[in-house]
Amino acid sequence: MINKKQVHKVAQLARLEMTEEEEEQITAQMSSILEYFQQLSELDTEDVPPTTRAIDVSNVTRQDELRPYPNREAILQEAPDPDGDFFRVPKILSEE
C-alpha cells in the first residue's frame, strides 16, 4: 500500500530524521494500518449511526457547593499583589 519512498518523503516534509531501518519499520507498520482501513471501508455502515465513542461515557462529578472560606485574611496575605479585599491579577486583555 505504501512504499519506502513515500515514507521517506513524508519524513522529510515533517523534518524527521530516520535511519534506513526505521524507514523500513514505519513502511511495514503504515502498510498494515492502511490495509486495516481498507478492510474497514468494505463494511456496510449505511444503517450505523455516527458515534464518537464505542461505549457510553459519562462524567461523574459532584454538585458545586458554595462555602465561604473561614480565614479570608490568610488567603489575601499569600497573594503576591493584594488590592484591599481583592486579588490583583495581570491584565490579559487589551482595551482594543
Protein backbone atom coordinates (compact mmCIF):
# COMPACT_ATOMS: atom_id res chain seq x y z
CA MET A 1 0.00 0.00 0.00
CA ILE A 2 2.73 2.47 0.93
CA ASN A 3 6.33 2.24 -0.11
CA LYS A 4 9.62 3.30 1.43
CA LYS A 5 9.96 6.25 -0.95
CA GLN A 6 6.63 7.69 0.25
CA VAL A 7 7.62 7.24 3.90
CA HIS A 8 10.94 8.97 3.20
CA LYS A 9 9.16 11.91 1.55
CA VAL A 10 6.72 12.33 4.44
CA ALA A 11 9.59 12.13 6.91
CA GLN A 12 11.40 14.89 5.03
CA LEU A 13 8.28 17.06 4.94
CA ALA A 14 7.84 16.57 8.69
CA ARG A 15 11.56 17.26 9.24
CA LEU A 16 12.08 13.83 10.80
CA GLU A 17 15.42 12.11 10.67
CA MET A 18 15.06 8.37 10.14
CA THR A 19 17.54 5.60 9.65
CA GLU A 20 17.07 3.04 6.87
CA GLU A 21 15.86 0.52 9.44
CA GLU A 22 13.32 2.98 10.86
CA GLU A 23 12.02 3.76 7.37
CA GLU A 24 11.56 0.04 6.67
CA GLN A 25 9.82 -0.46 10.01
CA ILE A 26 7.50 2.53 9.51
CA THR A 27 6.74 1.40 5.94
CA ALA A 28 5.62 -2.00 7.20
CA GLN A 29 3.58 -0.50 10.04
CA MET A 30 1.90 2.11 7.85
CA SER A 31 1.07 -0.52 5.22
CA SER A 32 -0.52 -2.67 7.90
CA ILE A 33 -2.60 0.26 9.17
CA LEU A 34 -3.73 1.23 5.68
CA GLU A 35 -4.66 -2.38 4.88
CA TYR A 36 -6.81 -2.44 8.01
CA PHE A 37 -8.56 0.75 6.93
CA GLN A 38 -9.15 -0.85 3.54
CA GLN A 39 -10.84 -3.78 5.29
CA LEU A 40 -12.98 -1.38 7.33
CA SER A 41 -14.05 0.52 4.23
CA GLU A 42 -15.54 -2.69 2.85
CA LEU A 43 -18.08 -2.86 5.71
CA ASP A 44 -21.65 -1.74 5.11
CA THR A 45 -22.19 1.09 7.59
CA GLU A 46 -25.23 2.62 5.92
CA ASP A 47 -27.55 2.00 8.88
CA VAL A 48 -24.97 2.62 11.61
CA PRO A 49 -25.37 5.99 13.34
CA PRO A 50 -22.22 8.07 13.73
CA THR A 51 -20.67 8.00 17.18
CA THR A 52 -17.68 9.48 18.95
CA ARG A 53 -17.16 6.53 21.29
CA ALA A 54 -17.77 2.82 21.14
CA ILE A 55 -19.24 2.85 24.65
CA ASP A 56 -21.22 5.45 26.58
CA VAL A 57 -19.10 7.51 28.93
CA SER A 58 -20.43 9.92 31.49
CA ASN A 59 -18.53 12.25 33.75
CA VAL A 60 -19.04 11.61 37.43
CA THR A 61 -18.96 15.00 39.10
CA ARG A 62 -20.12 16.35 42.38
CA GLN A 63 -22.51 19.23 42.80
CA ASP A 64 -20.77 22.56 43.38
CA GLU A 65 -21.44 23.89 46.84
CA LEU A 66 -20.67 27.48 47.77
CA ARG A 67 -18.90 27.57 51.12
CA PRO A 68 -17.15 30.67 52.47
CA TYR A 69 -13.54 30.16 53.49
CA PRO A 70 -13.18 30.86 57.21
CA ASN A 71 -9.86 32.72 57.05
CA ARG A 72 -10.07 35.20 54.18
CA GLU A 73 -7.24 37.36 55.51
CA ALA A 74 -4.82 34.42 55.41
CA ILE A 75 -5.52 33.88 51.72
CA LEU A 76 -5.10 37.58 50.91
CA GLN A 77 -1.77 37.66 52.79
CA GLU A 78 -0.46 34.92 50.48
CA ALA A 79 -1.37 36.89 47.34
CA PRO A 80 1.62 38.46 45.57
CA ASP A 81 -0.23 41.76 45.00
CA PRO A 82 -3.46 42.10 47.03
CA ASP A 83 -5.73 45.11 46.50
CA GLY A 84 -7.78 45.55 49.65
CA ASP A 85 -10.21 42.63 49.78
CA PHE A 86 -9.36 41.52 46.25
CA PHE A 87 -6.61 39.75 44.31
CA ARG A 88 -4.79 41.88 41.75
CA VAL A 89 -4.02 39.85 38.62
CA PRO A 90 -2.07 40.72 35.47
CA LYS A 91 -4.06 42.29 32.66
CA ILE A 92 -4.65 39.71 29.92
CA LEU A 93 -6.98 41.56 27.55
CA SER A 94 -6.14 44.70 25.65
CA GLU A 95 -8.56 47.60 25.51
CA GLU A 96 -8.79 47.40 21.71
